[in-house]
N, C-alpha and C. Protein backbone atom coordinates (compact mmCIF):
# COMPACT_ATOMS: atom_id res chain seq x y z
N GLN A 1 37.96 186.86 78.01
CA GLN A 1 39.25 186.94 77.53
C GLN A 1 40.18 187.53 78.60
N VAL A 2 41.16 186.66 79.02
CA VAL A 2 42.14 187.13 80.06
C VAL A 2 43.17 187.90 79.41
N GLN A 3 43.45 189.05 79.99
CA GLN A 3 44.54 189.89 79.56
C GLN A 3 45.48 190.21 80.66
N LEU A 4 46.80 190.16 80.46
CA LEU A 4 47.79 190.47 81.38
C LEU A 4 48.73 191.51 80.61
N VAL A 5 48.86 192.62 81.22
CA VAL A 5 49.67 193.76 80.65
C VAL A 5 50.74 194.17 81.66
N GLU A 6 51.97 194.02 81.24
CA GLU A 6 53.08 194.44 82.11
C GLU A 6 53.55 195.87 81.75
N SER A 7 54.12 196.49 82.82
CA SER A 7 54.67 197.84 82.62
C SER A 7 55.71 198.08 83.63
N GLY A 8 56.62 199.03 83.46
CA GLY A 8 57.63 199.45 84.44
C GLY A 8 59.01 198.99 84.12
N GLY A 9 59.20 198.38 82.98
CA GLY A 9 60.63 198.04 82.58
C GLY A 9 61.35 199.28 82.16
N GLY A 10 62.64 199.15 81.96
CA GLY A 10 63.50 200.20 81.54
C GLY A 10 65.02 199.86 81.69
N SER A 11 65.77 200.81 81.52
CA SER A 11 67.27 200.71 81.59
C SER A 11 67.72 201.39 82.88
N VAL A 12 68.51 200.62 83.60
CA VAL A 12 69.06 201.14 84.92
C VAL A 12 70.46 200.73 85.09
N GLN A 13 71.10 201.33 86.04
CA GLN A 13 72.44 200.93 86.42
C GLN A 13 72.40 199.81 87.46
N ALA A 14 73.55 199.07 87.51
CA ALA A 14 73.62 198.01 88.57
C ALA A 14 73.55 198.62 89.93
N GLY A 15 72.77 197.99 90.75
CA GLY A 15 72.51 198.49 92.09
C GLY A 15 71.15 199.23 92.25
N ASP A 16 70.67 199.68 91.17
CA ASP A 16 69.31 200.42 91.13
C ASP A 16 68.09 199.58 91.43
N SER A 17 66.95 200.12 91.52
CA SER A 17 65.73 199.46 91.72
C SER A 17 64.70 199.72 90.61
N LEU A 18 63.80 198.79 90.39
CA LEU A 18 62.67 198.96 89.48
C LEU A 18 61.48 198.24 90.08
N ARG A 19 60.29 198.71 89.80
CA ARG A 19 59.08 198.02 90.15
C ARG A 19 58.25 197.72 88.90
N LEU A 20 58.07 196.46 88.60
CA LEU A 20 57.26 196.17 87.47
C LEU A 20 55.82 195.91 87.95
N SER A 21 54.88 196.24 87.05
CA SER A 21 53.48 196.11 87.38
C SER A 21 52.82 195.10 86.32
N CYS A 22 51.82 194.43 86.77
CA CYS A 22 51.04 193.58 85.87
C CYS A 22 49.59 193.85 86.15
N ALA A 23 48.86 194.31 85.09
CA ALA A 23 47.42 194.52 85.23
C ALA A 23 46.70 193.35 84.67
N ALA A 24 45.80 192.73 85.51
CA ALA A 24 45.06 191.49 85.09
C ALA A 24 43.66 191.90 84.89
N SER A 25 43.05 191.47 83.82
CA SER A 25 41.68 191.77 83.50
C SER A 25 41.04 190.53 82.79
N GLY A 26 39.66 190.53 82.82
CA GLY A 26 38.95 189.46 82.14
C GLY A 26 38.53 188.24 82.96
N ARG A 27 39.02 188.22 84.22
CA ARG A 27 38.69 187.15 85.08
C ARG A 27 38.71 187.66 86.48
N PRO A 28 37.71 187.37 87.30
CA PRO A 28 37.71 187.90 88.63
C PRO A 28 38.96 187.47 89.50
N TYR A 29 39.58 186.32 89.34
CA TYR A 29 40.74 185.95 90.03
C TYR A 29 41.46 184.83 89.30
N HIS A 30 42.70 184.69 89.59
CA HIS A 30 43.47 183.52 89.24
C HIS A 30 44.05 182.85 90.40
N SER A 31 44.27 181.58 90.31
CA SER A 31 44.69 180.89 91.50
C SER A 31 46.03 181.41 91.98
N ARG A 32 47.00 181.67 91.03
CA ARG A 32 48.29 182.17 91.30
C ARG A 32 48.69 183.20 90.20
N MET A 33 49.52 184.16 90.66
CA MET A 33 50.05 185.12 89.71
C MET A 33 51.53 185.12 89.87
N GLY A 34 52.38 185.16 88.77
CA GLY A 34 53.80 185.18 88.92
C GLY A 34 54.56 185.92 87.93
N TRP A 35 55.83 185.96 87.98
CA TRP A 35 56.76 186.56 87.09
C TRP A 35 57.80 185.56 86.65
N PHE A 36 58.02 185.68 85.37
CA PHE A 36 59.11 184.86 84.73
C PHE A 36 59.98 185.85 83.89
N ARG A 37 61.11 185.38 83.57
CA ARG A 37 61.95 186.27 82.72
C ARG A 37 62.70 185.36 81.64
N GLN A 38 63.04 185.99 80.54
CA GLN A 38 63.84 185.39 79.49
C GLN A 38 64.87 186.27 78.97
N ALA A 39 66.14 185.83 79.24
CA ALA A 39 67.30 186.64 78.70
C ALA A 39 67.57 186.10 77.24
N PRO A 40 68.31 186.93 76.47
CA PRO A 40 68.63 186.65 75.10
C PRO A 40 69.38 185.32 75.05
N GLY A 41 68.84 184.40 74.21
CA GLY A 41 69.47 183.11 73.99
C GLY A 41 69.26 182.11 75.08
N LYS A 42 68.41 182.45 76.07
CA LYS A 42 68.14 181.55 77.19
C LYS A 42 66.65 181.21 77.22
N GLU A 43 66.31 180.12 78.01
CA GLU A 43 64.93 179.79 78.22
C GLU A 43 64.30 180.72 79.21
N ARG A 44 62.98 180.66 79.12
CA ARG A 44 62.22 181.39 80.07
C ARG A 44 62.34 180.74 81.48
N GLU A 45 62.58 181.52 82.50
CA GLU A 45 62.77 180.99 83.74
C GLU A 45 61.95 181.61 84.86
N PHE A 46 61.64 180.87 85.84
CA PHE A 46 60.78 181.39 86.99
C PHE A 46 61.50 182.43 87.83
N VAL A 47 60.73 183.40 88.27
CA VAL A 47 61.32 184.52 89.12
C VAL A 47 60.55 184.46 90.52
N ALA A 48 59.26 184.64 90.48
CA ALA A 48 58.48 184.71 91.71
C ALA A 48 57.11 184.43 91.38
N ILE A 49 56.26 183.98 92.42
CA ILE A 49 54.90 183.64 92.30
C ILE A 49 54.16 183.74 93.61
N MET A 50 52.95 183.99 93.53
CA MET A 50 52.16 184.10 94.82
C MET A 50 50.72 183.66 94.47
N LYS A 51 50.02 183.29 95.51
CA LYS A 51 48.53 182.94 95.43
C LYS A 51 47.78 184.26 95.30
N TRP A 52 46.66 184.15 94.60
CA TRP A 52 45.95 185.36 94.42
C TRP A 52 45.51 186.07 95.73
N ARG A 53 45.35 185.30 96.76
CA ARG A 53 44.98 185.89 98.02
C ARG A 53 46.18 186.59 98.75
N GLY A 54 47.38 186.43 98.23
CA GLY A 54 48.49 187.13 98.68
C GLY A 54 49.56 186.27 99.50
N ASP A 55 49.21 184.98 99.78
CA ASP A 55 50.17 184.18 100.49
C ASP A 55 50.80 183.26 99.47
N GLY A 56 51.52 182.30 100.04
CA GLY A 56 52.21 181.28 99.19
C GLY A 56 53.24 181.74 98.32
N LYS A 57 54.07 182.74 98.68
CA LYS A 57 55.03 183.31 97.87
C LYS A 57 56.24 182.43 97.76
N GLN A 58 56.70 182.23 96.53
CA GLN A 58 57.89 181.51 96.21
C GLN A 58 58.85 182.39 95.40
N TYR A 59 60.11 182.18 95.51
CA TYR A 59 61.05 182.95 94.70
C TYR A 59 62.21 182.05 94.20
N ALA A 60 62.73 182.40 93.07
CA ALA A 60 63.94 181.67 92.55
C ALA A 60 65.03 182.05 93.46
N ASP A 61 66.01 181.10 93.65
CA ASP A 61 67.11 181.37 94.55
C ASP A 61 67.89 182.64 94.19
N PHE A 62 68.06 182.85 92.84
CA PHE A 62 68.86 183.93 92.47
C PHE A 62 68.28 185.34 92.62
N VAL A 63 67.02 185.42 93.14
CA VAL A 63 66.44 186.71 93.51
C VAL A 63 66.05 186.85 94.96
N LYS A 64 66.22 185.80 95.71
CA LYS A 64 65.85 185.89 97.05
C LYS A 64 66.60 187.04 97.85
N GLY A 65 65.83 187.80 98.59
CA GLY A 65 66.46 188.91 99.28
C GLY A 65 66.53 190.18 98.50
N ARG A 66 66.30 190.02 97.15
CA ARG A 66 66.45 191.28 96.27
C ARG A 66 65.18 191.62 95.64
N PHE A 67 64.30 190.63 95.30
CA PHE A 67 63.01 190.84 94.63
C PHE A 67 61.89 190.55 95.59
N SER A 68 60.76 191.18 95.36
CA SER A 68 59.60 190.92 96.10
C SER A 68 58.33 191.02 95.31
N ILE A 69 57.48 190.00 95.46
CA ILE A 69 56.17 190.05 94.61
C ILE A 69 55.14 190.43 95.59
N SER A 70 54.11 191.22 95.12
CA SER A 70 53.02 191.70 95.89
C SER A 70 51.88 192.01 95.02
N ARG A 71 50.70 192.34 95.59
CA ARG A 71 49.59 192.70 94.82
C ARG A 71 48.76 193.86 95.44
N ASN A 72 48.08 194.55 94.55
CA ASN A 72 47.16 195.59 94.95
C ASN A 72 45.77 195.06 94.78
N ASN A 73 45.06 194.78 95.87
CA ASN A 73 43.72 194.14 95.82
C ASN A 73 42.70 195.11 95.17
N VAL A 74 42.88 196.40 95.31
CA VAL A 74 41.84 197.34 94.76
C VAL A 74 41.89 197.43 93.24
N ASN A 75 43.15 197.49 92.73
CA ASN A 75 43.29 197.67 91.27
C ASN A 75 43.63 196.38 90.51
N ASN A 76 43.68 195.28 91.17
CA ASN A 76 44.04 194.01 90.53
C ASN A 76 45.37 194.13 89.85
N LEU A 77 46.39 194.65 90.54
CA LEU A 77 47.69 194.80 90.03
C LEU A 77 48.60 193.85 90.82
N VAL A 78 49.62 193.29 90.16
CA VAL A 78 50.58 192.44 90.77
C VAL A 78 51.95 193.17 90.46
N TYR A 79 52.75 193.24 91.52
CA TYR A 79 54.04 193.96 91.38
C TYR A 79 55.14 193.01 91.48
N LEU A 80 56.35 193.43 90.91
CA LEU A 80 57.60 192.81 91.26
C LEU A 80 58.54 193.95 91.40
N THR A 81 58.85 194.06 92.69
CA THR A 81 59.82 195.06 93.20
C THR A 81 61.21 194.48 93.12
N MET A 82 62.14 195.08 92.36
CA MET A 82 63.43 194.59 92.16
C MET A 82 64.43 195.54 92.69
N ASN A 83 65.19 195.07 93.69
CA ASN A 83 66.28 195.89 94.27
C ASN A 83 67.62 195.32 93.97
N SER A 84 68.70 196.12 94.16
CA SER A 84 70.07 195.70 93.97
C SER A 84 70.23 194.92 92.63
N LEU A 85 69.68 195.58 91.53
CA LEU A 85 69.75 194.84 90.24
C LEU A 85 71.15 194.70 89.74
N LYS A 86 71.28 193.54 89.06
CA LYS A 86 72.64 193.14 88.52
C LYS A 86 72.50 193.10 86.98
N PRO A 87 73.64 193.17 86.26
CA PRO A 87 73.53 192.99 84.80
C PRO A 87 73.05 191.71 84.44
N GLU A 88 73.16 190.62 85.16
CA GLU A 88 72.60 189.31 84.82
C GLU A 88 71.07 189.28 85.01
N ASP A 89 70.45 190.33 85.57
CA ASP A 89 69.06 190.42 85.64
C ASP A 89 68.38 190.91 84.36
N THR A 90 69.24 191.39 83.41
CA THR A 90 68.75 191.89 82.19
C THR A 90 67.94 190.75 81.42
N ALA A 91 66.69 191.08 81.13
CA ALA A 91 65.74 190.06 80.44
C ALA A 91 64.48 190.77 80.15
N VAL A 92 63.68 190.09 79.37
CA VAL A 92 62.29 190.44 79.26
C VAL A 92 61.47 189.76 80.36
N TYR A 93 60.80 190.54 81.17
CA TYR A 93 60.04 189.95 82.26
C TYR A 93 58.57 189.82 81.84
N TYR A 94 58.06 188.61 82.23
CA TYR A 94 56.67 188.32 81.79
C TYR A 94 55.83 188.05 83.03
N CYS A 95 54.65 188.58 83.00
CA CYS A 95 53.67 188.27 84.01
C CYS A 95 52.86 187.02 83.56
N ALA A 96 52.50 186.17 84.44
CA ALA A 96 51.83 184.88 84.12
C ALA A 96 50.80 184.60 85.17
N ALA A 97 49.70 183.91 84.76
CA ALA A 97 48.67 183.50 85.62
C ALA A 97 48.43 182.07 85.58
N ASP A 98 48.24 181.52 86.70
CA ASP A 98 47.97 180.09 86.80
C ASP A 98 46.53 179.92 87.19
N ARG A 99 45.78 179.27 86.34
CA ARG A 99 44.34 179.19 86.59
C ARG A 99 43.98 178.15 87.59
N ASP A 100 44.72 177.13 87.67
CA ASP A 100 44.33 175.97 88.43
C ASP A 100 44.99 175.70 89.76
N GLY A 101 46.04 176.45 90.03
CA GLY A 101 46.73 176.34 91.30
C GLY A 101 47.78 175.17 91.36
N GLY A 102 48.28 174.92 92.47
CA GLY A 102 49.25 173.91 92.66
C GLY A 102 50.51 174.58 93.14
N SER A 103 51.64 173.89 92.97
CA SER A 103 52.89 174.48 93.46
C SER A 103 53.99 174.53 92.44
N SER A 104 53.62 174.26 91.18
CA SER A 104 54.60 174.21 90.10
C SER A 104 55.15 175.65 89.91
N THR A 105 56.42 175.79 89.54
CA THR A 105 57.04 177.01 89.12
C THR A 105 57.56 176.93 87.68
N GLN A 106 56.97 175.91 86.97
CA GLN A 106 57.42 175.77 85.58
C GLN A 106 56.58 176.64 84.68
N ALA A 107 57.17 177.17 83.66
CA ALA A 107 56.52 178.03 82.71
C ALA A 107 55.35 177.34 81.99
N TYR A 108 55.52 176.04 81.75
CA TYR A 108 54.54 175.35 80.98
C TYR A 108 53.27 175.10 81.83
N ASP A 109 53.33 175.33 83.10
CA ASP A 109 52.14 175.13 83.93
C ASP A 109 51.27 176.39 83.97
N MET A 110 51.86 177.55 83.54
CA MET A 110 51.01 178.79 83.57
C MET A 110 50.08 178.76 82.42
N ASP A 111 48.94 179.45 82.66
CA ASP A 111 47.85 179.39 81.66
C ASP A 111 47.78 180.61 80.79
N TYR A 112 48.18 181.75 81.26
CA TYR A 112 48.05 183.02 80.68
C TYR A 112 49.30 183.76 80.80
N TRP A 113 49.63 184.55 79.75
CA TRP A 113 50.88 185.35 79.73
C TRP A 113 50.65 186.73 79.16
N GLY A 114 51.46 187.68 79.70
CA GLY A 114 51.55 189.01 79.12
C GLY A 114 52.52 188.99 78.07
N LYS A 115 52.80 190.09 77.39
CA LYS A 115 53.68 190.31 76.21
C LYS A 115 55.09 190.61 76.74
N GLY A 116 55.23 190.87 77.96
CA GLY A 116 56.58 191.18 78.53
C GLY A 116 57.03 192.63 78.53
N THR A 117 57.91 192.92 79.44
CA THR A 117 58.55 194.20 79.53
C THR A 117 60.01 194.04 79.74
N LEU A 118 60.81 194.90 79.00
CA LEU A 118 62.30 194.73 79.01
C LEU A 118 62.94 195.43 80.13
N VAL A 119 63.78 194.71 80.86
CA VAL A 119 64.64 195.32 81.88
C VAL A 119 66.11 195.20 81.47
N THR A 120 66.78 196.30 81.44
CA THR A 120 68.18 196.19 81.03
C THR A 120 69.02 196.85 82.19
N VAL A 121 69.96 196.10 82.59
CA VAL A 121 70.80 196.56 83.76
C VAL A 121 72.22 196.71 83.30
N TYR A 122 72.76 197.93 83.31
CA TYR A 122 74.21 198.28 82.87
C TYR A 122 75.10 198.21 84.06
N SER A 123 76.29 197.76 83.80
CA SER A 123 77.25 197.69 84.85
C SER A 123 78.04 199.01 84.99
């Protein structure tokens, strides 16, 4: 049973930083690990993704230069470091795992999901 558990969300002021963590268990590795987000009334959208070995990083245009995805090989944690947060970054952030690989950044191509962690950015 694959489990993804996010943590690190919270309420911050515009311009602040947060680091989200995703703990993956139940499978020795996934082909890719990524982050998506869903704001109220909007569809879930891609934020960042990387191959399990650490390369192949892709970012949504709206987070380039502000967000960074990384992983901790020892603890099987995947991070999303978010800098210069904006009110429009307010959303529930989800960790996702892609079992089979490829290059898609579509939510429907991810195989496993966490339950999400809420990030609220105040102006």
